Amino acid sequence: MSIFNNTNYNKVATSVSIITALTIPSIATDVYNVTSSIATSSYDKSIDYSISKQSTMDNSNIKNDIEMLRLLEIDELNNELNMKLNTSISKTWLPANNILNKSCLFVTVENQEDLIENYKDFELELYLALEEKINKSSFFDMIALI
């Protein structure tokens, strides 16, 4: 059930009308007419409001595209990696794709050999640079080098 029932909604609509009338008298009548018509509108008797699903989204051709969402997360990780380590992801591999809820994202980054030479443990640096994003990720729980 909605937080605002008809009584609460009527109170809010009336309050808005009064505040508007006090601040802008010239449009007070118009605002009152609009808010009172909204506040007194009745529910459609043909709709069952007791269930949470009130849309026809299940019948729509537009659905959550898991692959696109995964690519968007990889792009976010790539942007973070570019900001923190000045490199970007060139290849990815998901060995447990669609098998586990979250999996390890294996990556190859640009200039990977140079970065491995420059950092004592580049794979750890990679994880630490992306740790916050990985913790918030819907698809990945780890990142590793290919």
N, C-alpha and C. Protein backbone atom coordinates (compact mmCIF):
# COMPACT_ATOMS: atom_id res chain seq x y z
N MET A 1 0.84 -1.18 0.00
CA MET A 1 0.00 0.00 0.00
C MET A 1 0.88 1.24 0.00
N SER A 2 0.42 2.25 -0.62
CA SER A 2 1.17 3.48 -0.76
C SER A 2 1.31 4.19 0.58
N ILE A 3 2.42 4.92 0.72
CA ILE A 3 2.65 5.70 1.94
C ILE A 3 1.59 6.79 2.06
N PHE A 4 1.24 7.39 0.93
CA PHE A 4 0.23 8.44 0.92
C PHE A 4 -1.12 7.83 0.56
N ASN A 5 -2.04 7.81 1.50
CA ASN A 5 -3.39 7.42 1.16
C ASN A 5 -4.13 8.67 0.71
N ASN A 6 -5.38 8.54 0.37
CA ASN A 6 -6.14 9.68 -0.14
C ASN A 6 -6.20 10.83 0.86
N THR A 7 -6.34 10.52 2.14
CA THR A 7 -6.44 11.57 3.15
C THR A 7 -5.15 12.37 3.23
N ASN A 8 -4.01 11.67 3.29
CA ASN A 8 -2.72 12.37 3.34
C ASN A 8 -2.48 13.17 2.07
N TYR A 9 -2.84 12.62 0.95
CA TYR A 9 -2.63 13.31 -0.32
C TYR A 9 -3.49 14.57 -0.37
N ASN A 10 -4.72 14.49 0.11
CA ASN A 10 -5.59 15.68 0.15
C ASN A 10 -4.98 16.76 1.04
N LYS A 11 -4.39 16.36 2.16
CA LYS A 11 -3.76 17.32 3.06
C LYS A 11 -2.58 18.01 2.38
N VAL A 12 -1.77 17.23 1.68
CA VAL A 12 -0.61 17.79 0.97
C VAL A 12 -1.08 18.73 -0.13
N ALA A 13 -2.07 18.31 -0.90
CA ALA A 13 -2.58 19.14 -1.99
C ALA A 13 -3.17 20.44 -1.46
N THR A 14 -3.88 20.36 -0.34
CA THR A 14 -4.46 21.56 0.26
C THR A 14 -3.36 22.48 0.76
N SER A 15 -2.33 21.91 1.40
CA SER A 15 -1.20 22.72 1.89
C SER A 15 -0.50 23.44 0.76
N VAL A 16 -0.28 22.75 -0.35
CA VAL A 16 0.36 23.36 -1.51
C VAL A 16 -0.50 24.50 -2.03
N SER A 17 -1.79 24.30 -2.08
CA SER A 17 -2.70 25.34 -2.56
C SER A 17 -2.65 26.57 -1.67
N ILE A 18 -2.65 26.36 -0.35
CA ILE A 18 -2.62 27.48 0.59
C ILE A 18 -1.31 28.25 0.49
N ILE A 19 -0.19 27.51 0.44
CA ILE A 19 1.12 28.16 0.34
C ILE A 19 1.21 28.95 -0.96
N THR A 20 0.71 28.37 -2.04
CA THR A 20 0.73 29.06 -3.33
C THR A 20 -0.14 30.30 -3.30
N ALA A 21 -1.31 30.19 -2.67
CA ALA A 21 -2.22 31.34 -2.59
C ALA A 21 -1.60 32.48 -1.80
N LEU A 22 -0.83 32.14 -0.78
CA LEU A 22 -0.19 33.18 0.02
C LEU A 22 0.97 33.84 -0.70
N THR A 23 1.68 33.07 -1.52
CA THR A 23 2.87 33.62 -2.16
C THR A 23 2.58 34.21 -3.54
N ILE A 24 1.69 33.58 -4.29
CA ILE A 24 1.38 34.06 -5.65
C ILE A 24 -0.14 34.06 -5.82
N PRO A 25 -0.84 35.09 -5.37
CA PRO A 25 -2.30 35.11 -5.40
C PRO A 25 -2.89 35.02 -6.81
N SER A 26 -2.19 35.50 -7.82
CA SER A 26 -2.75 35.52 -9.17
C SER A 26 -2.96 34.13 -9.75
N ILE A 27 -2.13 33.14 -9.32
CA ILE A 27 -2.31 31.79 -9.86
C ILE A 27 -2.87 30.83 -8.83
N ALA A 28 -3.30 31.36 -7.70
CA ALA A 28 -3.80 30.50 -6.63
C ALA A 28 -5.04 29.72 -7.06
N THR A 29 -5.93 30.34 -7.79
CA THR A 29 -7.15 29.66 -8.22
C THR A 29 -6.83 28.51 -9.15
N ASP A 30 -5.93 28.72 -10.11
CA ASP A 30 -5.56 27.67 -11.04
C ASP A 30 -4.90 26.50 -10.33
N VAL A 31 -3.98 26.79 -9.40
CA VAL A 31 -3.30 25.73 -8.67
C VAL A 31 -4.30 24.95 -7.83
N TYR A 32 -5.22 25.65 -7.19
CA TYR A 32 -6.21 24.96 -6.37
C TYR A 32 -7.09 24.05 -7.22
N ASN A 33 -7.49 24.50 -8.38
CA ASN A 33 -8.33 23.67 -9.24
C ASN A 33 -7.59 22.41 -9.69
N VAL A 34 -6.32 22.55 -10.04
CA VAL A 34 -5.54 21.39 -10.47
C VAL A 34 -5.32 20.43 -9.31
N THR A 35 -4.88 20.94 -8.17
CA THR A 35 -4.59 20.04 -7.04
C THR A 35 -5.85 19.42 -6.48
N SER A 36 -6.96 20.12 -6.48
CA SER A 36 -8.18 19.52 -5.95
C SER A 36 -8.71 18.45 -6.89
N SER A 37 -8.52 18.61 -8.20
CA SER A 37 -8.97 17.57 -9.13
C SER A 37 -8.10 16.33 -9.02
N ILE A 38 -6.79 16.53 -8.75
CA ILE A 38 -5.90 15.38 -8.56
C ILE A 38 -6.22 14.68 -7.25
N ALA A 39 -6.42 15.45 -6.21
CA ALA A 39 -6.64 14.88 -4.88
C ALA A 39 -7.95 14.13 -4.78
N THR A 40 -8.94 14.51 -5.56
CA THR A 40 -10.24 13.85 -5.45
C THR A 40 -10.45 12.79 -6.50
N SER A 41 -9.45 12.55 -7.36
CA SER A 41 -9.62 11.52 -8.39
C SER A 41 -9.68 10.15 -7.73
N SER A 42 -10.55 9.31 -8.27
CA SER A 42 -10.74 7.99 -7.67
C SER A 42 -9.84 6.97 -8.35
N TYR A 43 -9.66 5.86 -7.67
CA TYR A 43 -8.88 4.77 -8.23
C TYR A 43 -9.68 4.09 -9.33
N ASP A 44 -8.95 3.53 -10.28
CA ASP A 44 -9.58 2.76 -11.34
C ASP A 44 -10.04 1.44 -10.74
N LYS A 45 -11.31 1.16 -10.80
CA LYS A 45 -11.86 -0.05 -10.16
C LYS A 45 -11.46 -1.33 -10.87
N SER A 46 -10.94 -1.23 -12.09
CA SER A 46 -10.57 -2.44 -12.83
C SER A 46 -9.14 -2.90 -12.53
N ILE A 47 -8.38 -2.11 -11.77
CA ILE A 47 -6.99 -2.45 -11.46
C ILE A 47 -6.89 -2.96 -10.03
N ASP A 48 -6.20 -4.08 -9.86
CA ASP A 48 -5.98 -4.63 -8.53
C ASP A 48 -4.73 -3.98 -7.96
N TYR A 49 -4.90 -3.03 -7.04
CA TYR A 49 -3.79 -2.28 -6.46
C TYR A 49 -3.08 -3.03 -5.34
N SER A 50 -3.54 -4.20 -4.99
CA SER A 50 -2.92 -4.94 -3.88
C SER A 50 -1.65 -5.65 -4.32
N ILE A 51 -1.43 -5.81 -5.63
CA ILE A 51 -0.20 -6.47 -6.09
C ILE A 51 0.82 -5.41 -6.45
N SER A 52 2.10 -5.77 -6.35
CA SER A 52 3.16 -4.79 -6.58
C SER A 52 3.41 -4.54 -8.05
N LYS A 53 3.16 -5.53 -8.90
CA LYS A 53 3.45 -5.36 -10.32
C LYS A 53 2.30 -4.60 -10.97
N GLN A 54 2.59 -3.39 -11.38
CA GLN A 54 1.57 -2.56 -12.00
C GLN A 54 1.97 -2.14 -13.41
N SER A 55 2.88 -2.85 -14.01
CA SER A 55 3.30 -2.46 -15.35
C SER A 55 3.25 -3.65 -16.28
N THR A 56 3.39 -3.36 -17.54
CA THR A 56 3.43 -4.41 -18.56
C THR A 56 4.85 -4.60 -19.07
N MET A 57 5.83 -4.27 -18.24
CA MET A 57 7.22 -4.35 -18.66
C MET A 57 7.62 -5.76 -19.07
N ASP A 58 7.00 -6.79 -18.46
CA ASP A 58 7.35 -8.16 -18.82
C ASP A 58 7.01 -8.46 -20.27
N ASN A 59 6.04 -7.75 -20.81
CA ASN A 59 5.65 -7.97 -22.19
C ASN A 59 6.43 -7.10 -23.17
N SER A 60 7.29 -6.28 -22.65
CA SER A 60 8.04 -5.34 -23.47
C SER A 60 9.24 -6.01 -24.12
N ASN A 61 9.62 -5.48 -25.27
CA ASN A 61 10.84 -5.96 -25.93
C ASN A 61 12.09 -5.40 -25.28
N ILE A 62 11.93 -4.35 -24.47
CA ILE A 62 13.07 -3.73 -23.79
C ILE A 62 13.22 -4.41 -22.44
N LYS A 63 14.29 -5.13 -22.24
CA LYS A 63 14.55 -5.82 -20.98
C LYS A 63 15.96 -5.49 -20.53
N ASN A 64 16.28 -5.85 -19.30
CA ASN A 64 17.64 -5.64 -18.83
C ASN A 64 18.59 -6.50 -19.65
N ASP A 65 19.51 -5.87 -20.27
CA ASP A 65 20.49 -6.56 -21.10
C ASP A 65 21.73 -6.82 -20.24
N ILE A 66 21.85 -8.04 -19.75
CA ILE A 66 22.93 -8.40 -18.82
C ILE A 66 24.29 -8.19 -19.47
N GLU A 67 24.42 -8.57 -20.72
CA GLU A 67 25.72 -8.41 -21.39
C GLU A 67 26.11 -6.94 -21.49
N MET A 68 25.13 -6.07 -21.77
CA MET A 68 25.43 -4.65 -21.86
C MET A 68 25.81 -4.09 -20.49
N LEU A 69 25.10 -4.52 -19.45
CA LEU A 69 25.42 -4.07 -18.10
C LEU A 69 26.83 -4.51 -17.69
N ARG A 70 27.20 -5.72 -18.10
CA ARG A 70 28.54 -6.23 -17.81
C ARG A 70 29.59 -5.38 -18.53
N LEU A 71 29.33 -5.06 -19.79
CA LEU A 71 30.27 -4.22 -20.55
C LEU A 71 30.38 -2.82 -19.94
N LEU A 72 29.28 -2.29 -19.44
CA LEU A 72 29.32 -0.98 -18.80
C LEU A 72 30.15 -1.01 -17.52
N GLU A 73 30.06 -2.11 -16.76
CA GLU A 73 30.90 -2.23 -15.56
C GLU A 73 32.38 -2.34 -15.94
N ILE A 74 32.66 -3.09 -16.98
CA ILE A 74 34.06 -3.19 -17.43
C ILE A 74 34.55 -1.81 -17.87
N ASP A 75 33.69 -1.04 -18.52
CA ASP A 75 34.08 0.31 -18.93
C ASP A 75 34.35 1.20 -17.72
N GLU A 76 33.54 1.07 -16.67
CA GLU A 76 33.79 1.83 -15.44
C GLU A 76 35.13 1.44 -14.82
N LEU A 77 35.43 0.14 -14.80
CA LEU A 77 36.71 -0.32 -14.29
C LEU A 77 37.85 0.24 -15.15
N ASN A 78 37.65 0.25 -16.44
CA ASN A 78 38.66 0.77 -17.36
C ASN A 78 38.91 2.25 -17.10
N ASN A 79 37.85 3.02 -16.91
CA ASN A 79 38.01 4.46 -16.63
C ASN A 79 38.77 4.68 -15.33
N GLU A 80 38.45 3.90 -14.31
CA GLU A 80 39.14 4.02 -13.03
C GLU A 80 40.62 3.65 -13.18
N LEU A 81 40.88 2.60 -13.92
CA LEU A 81 42.26 2.15 -14.17
C LEU A 81 43.04 3.22 -14.94
N ASN A 82 42.38 3.85 -15.87
CA ASN A 82 43.03 4.91 -16.64
C ASN A 82 43.38 6.10 -15.75
N MET A 83 42.50 6.44 -14.83
CA MET A 83 42.77 7.56 -13.93
C MET A 83 43.88 7.24 -12.94
N LYS A 84 43.87 6.03 -12.38
CA LYS A 84 44.81 5.70 -11.29
C LYS A 84 46.16 5.20 -11.76
N LEU A 85 46.18 4.39 -12.82
CA LEU A 85 47.45 3.80 -13.25
C LEU A 85 47.85 4.21 -14.67
N ASN A 86 47.08 5.10 -15.28
CA ASN A 86 47.39 5.62 -16.59
C ASN A 86 47.56 4.53 -17.64
N THR A 87 46.67 3.55 -17.61
CA THR A 87 46.64 2.49 -18.61
C THR A 87 45.19 2.10 -18.83
N SER A 88 44.97 1.26 -19.80
CA SER A 88 43.60 0.83 -20.05
C SER A 88 43.56 -0.64 -20.43
N ILE A 89 42.38 -1.21 -20.31
CA ILE A 89 42.18 -2.63 -20.58
C ILE A 89 42.15 -2.85 -22.09
N SER A 90 42.96 -3.80 -22.55
CA SER A 90 42.97 -4.10 -23.98
C SER A 90 42.26 -5.41 -24.32
N LYS A 91 42.27 -6.38 -23.40
CA LYS A 91 41.58 -7.65 -23.61
C LYS A 91 40.94 -8.09 -22.30
N THR A 92 39.83 -8.80 -22.41
CA THR A 92 39.18 -9.37 -21.21
C THR A 92 38.85 -10.82 -21.47
N TRP A 93 38.73 -11.56 -20.38
CA TRP A 93 38.33 -12.97 -20.45
C TRP A 93 37.51 -13.27 -19.21
N LEU A 94 36.36 -13.87 -19.40
CA LEU A 94 35.48 -14.25 -18.29
C LEU A 94 35.27 -15.75 -18.34
N PRO A 95 36.10 -16.53 -17.65
CA PRO A 95 36.01 -17.99 -17.75
C PRO A 95 34.72 -18.57 -17.17
N ALA A 96 34.15 -17.96 -16.17
CA ALA A 96 32.94 -18.49 -15.54
C ALA A 96 31.72 -17.63 -15.88
N ASN A 97 31.74 -17.04 -17.06
CA ASN A 97 30.66 -16.16 -17.49
C ASN A 97 29.33 -16.93 -17.52
N ASN A 98 28.31 -16.38 -16.90
CA ASN A 98 26.95 -16.95 -16.82
C ASN A 98 26.88 -18.26 -16.04
N ILE A 99 27.94 -18.64 -15.35
CA ILE A 99 27.91 -19.85 -14.52
C ILE A 99 27.78 -19.45 -13.06
N LEU A 100 28.57 -18.46 -12.65
CA LEU A 100 28.55 -17.96 -11.28
C LEU A 100 27.88 -16.59 -11.25
N ASN A 101 27.37 -16.22 -10.07
CA ASN A 101 26.80 -14.89 -9.93
C ASN A 101 27.85 -13.81 -10.15
N LYS A 102 29.00 -13.99 -9.52
CA LYS A 102 30.13 -13.08 -9.70
C LYS A 102 31.35 -13.91 -10.07
N SER A 103 32.18 -13.36 -10.93
CA SER A 103 33.35 -14.12 -11.34
C SER A 103 34.57 -13.20 -11.40
N CYS A 104 35.70 -13.81 -11.64
CA CYS A 104 36.95 -13.07 -11.77
C CYS A 104 37.04 -12.53 -13.20
N LEU A 105 37.38 -11.27 -13.31
CA LEU A 105 37.61 -10.65 -14.61
C LEU A 105 39.10 -10.71 -14.90
N PHE A 106 39.47 -11.46 -15.91
CA PHE A 106 40.86 -11.53 -16.33
C PHE A 106 41.07 -10.48 -17.42
N VAL A 107 42.16 -9.71 -17.29
CA VAL A 107 42.41 -8.62 -18.22
C VAL A 107 43.86 -8.61 -18.68
N THR A 108 44.04 -8.02 -19.82
CA THR A 108 45.36 -7.62 -20.31
C THR A 108 45.28 -6.12 -20.47
N VAL A 109 46.28 -5.41 -19.98
CA VAL A 109 46.27 -3.95 -20.08
C VAL A 109 47.36 -3.50 -21.04
N GLU A 110 47.20 -2.30 -21.54
CA GLU A 110 48.22 -1.74 -22.43
C GLU A 110 49.51 -1.56 -21.64
N ASN A 111 50.63 -1.80 -22.27
CA ASN A 111 51.95 -1.68 -21.64
C ASN A 111 52.09 -2.57 -20.42
N GLN A 112 51.49 -3.73 -20.48
CA GLN A 112 51.48 -4.62 -19.33
C GLN A 112 52.88 -5.04 -18.90
N GLU A 113 53.75 -5.34 -19.85
CA GLU A 113 55.10 -5.78 -19.52
C GLU A 113 55.88 -4.67 -18.80
N ASP A 114 55.73 -3.44 -19.27
CA ASP A 114 56.41 -2.31 -18.63
C ASP A 114 55.88 -2.08 -17.22
N LEU A 115 54.58 -2.21 -17.05
CA LEU A 115 53.98 -2.01 -15.73
C LEU A 115 54.41 -3.10 -14.76
N ILE A 116 54.54 -4.32 -15.25
CA ILE A 116 55.00 -5.43 -14.40
C ILE A 116 56.44 -5.18 -13.94
N GLU A 117 57.25 -4.61 -14.82
CA GLU A 117 58.63 -4.29 -14.45
C GLU A 117 58.71 -3.12 -13.47
N ASN A 118 57.82 -2.14 -13.63
CA ASN A 118 57.86 -0.94 -12.80
C ASN A 118 57.29 -1.15 -11.40
N TYR A 119 56.34 -2.04 -11.26
CA TYR A 119 55.72 -2.30 -9.96
C TYR A 119 56.23 -3.63 -9.41
N LYS A 120 56.44 -3.66 -8.10
CA LYS A 120 56.91 -4.89 -7.46
C LYS A 120 55.90 -6.02 -7.67
N ASP A 121 54.59 -5.71 -7.47
CA ASP A 121 53.52 -6.68 -7.69
C ASP A 121 52.39 -5.95 -8.40
N PHE A 122 52.45 -5.94 -9.73
CA PHE A 122 51.48 -5.17 -10.51
C PHE A 122 50.06 -5.70 -10.35
N GLU A 123 49.91 -6.99 -10.23
CA GLU A 123 48.56 -7.56 -10.08
C GLU A 123 47.90 -7.07 -8.79
N LEU A 124 48.68 -6.94 -7.73
CA LEU A 124 48.17 -6.38 -6.48
C LEU A 124 47.82 -4.90 -6.67
N GLU A 125 48.67 -4.16 -7.34
CA GLU A 125 48.39 -2.75 -7.62
C GLU A 125 47.12 -2.59 -8.45
N LEU A 126 46.94 -3.48 -9.40
CA LEU A 126 45.74 -3.47 -10.22
C LEU A 126 44.50 -3.67 -9.36
N TYR A 127 44.56 -4.66 -8.49
CA TYR A 127 43.41 -4.93 -7.61
C TYR A 127 43.16 -3.75 -6.66
N LEU A 128 44.21 -3.22 -6.07
CA LEU A 128 44.04 -2.12 -5.12
C LEU A 128 43.48 -0.87 -5.81
N ALA A 129 43.88 -0.64 -7.05
CA ALA A 129 43.37 0.51 -7.79
C ALA A 129 41.87 0.37 -8.08
N LEU A 130 41.41 -0.86 -8.22
CA LEU A 130 40.02 -1.10 -8.59
C LEU A 130 39.18 -1.71 -7.47
N GLU A 131 39.75 -1.82 -6.28
CA GLU A 131 39.09 -2.52 -5.19
C GLU A 131 37.70 -1.96 -4.87
N GLU A 132 37.59 -0.65 -4.77
CA GLU A 132 36.30 -0.04 -4.43
C GLU A 132 35.24 -0.36 -5.49
N LYS A 133 35.60 -0.24 -6.75
CA LYS A 133 34.66 -0.54 -7.84
C LYS A 133 34.30 -2.02 -7.87
N ILE A 134 35.27 -2.88 -7.59
CA ILE A 134 35.01 -4.32 -7.60
C ILE A 134 34.08 -4.70 -6.45
N ASN A 135 34.26 -4.08 -5.29
CA ASN A 135 33.37 -4.36 -4.16
C ASN A 135 31.93 -3.96 -4.44
N LYS A 136 31.74 -2.96 -5.27
CA LYS A 136 30.39 -2.51 -5.63
C LYS A 136 29.85 -3.19 -6.88
N SER A 137 30.67 -4.00 -7.52
CA SER A 137 30.32 -4.62 -8.79
C SER A 137 29.21 -5.65 -8.64
N SER A 138 28.38 -5.75 -9.66
CA SER A 138 27.32 -6.77 -9.70
C SER A 138 27.81 -8.05 -10.37
N PHE A 139 28.91 -7.97 -11.10
CA PHE A 139 29.36 -9.10 -11.90
C PHE A 139 30.72 -9.67 -11.51
N PHE A 140 31.58 -8.86 -10.89
CA PHE A 140 32.94 -9.29 -10.64
C PHE A 140 33.28 -9.23 -9.16
N ASP A 141 34.03 -10.22 -8.70
CA ASP A 141 34.50 -10.20 -7.32
C ASP A 141 36.02 -10.19 -7.24
N MET A 142 36.69 -10.22 -8.39
CA MET A 142 38.14 -10.24 -8.43
C MET A 142 38.59 -9.79 -9.81
N ILE A 143 39.81 -9.31 -9.89
CA ILE A 143 40.41 -8.97 -11.18
C ILE A 143 41.82 -9.55 -11.20
N ALA A 144 42.22 -10.08 -12.33
CA ALA A 144 43.55 -10.69 -12.43
C ALA A 144 44.09 -10.48 -13.85
N LEU A 145 45.39 -10.63 -13.99
CA LEU A 145 46.02 -10.47 -15.30
C LEU A 145 46.00 -11.76 -16.09
N ILE A 146 45.87 -11.62 -17.39
CA ILE A 146 45.96 -12.78 -18.28
C ILE A 146 47.43 -13.07 -18.53
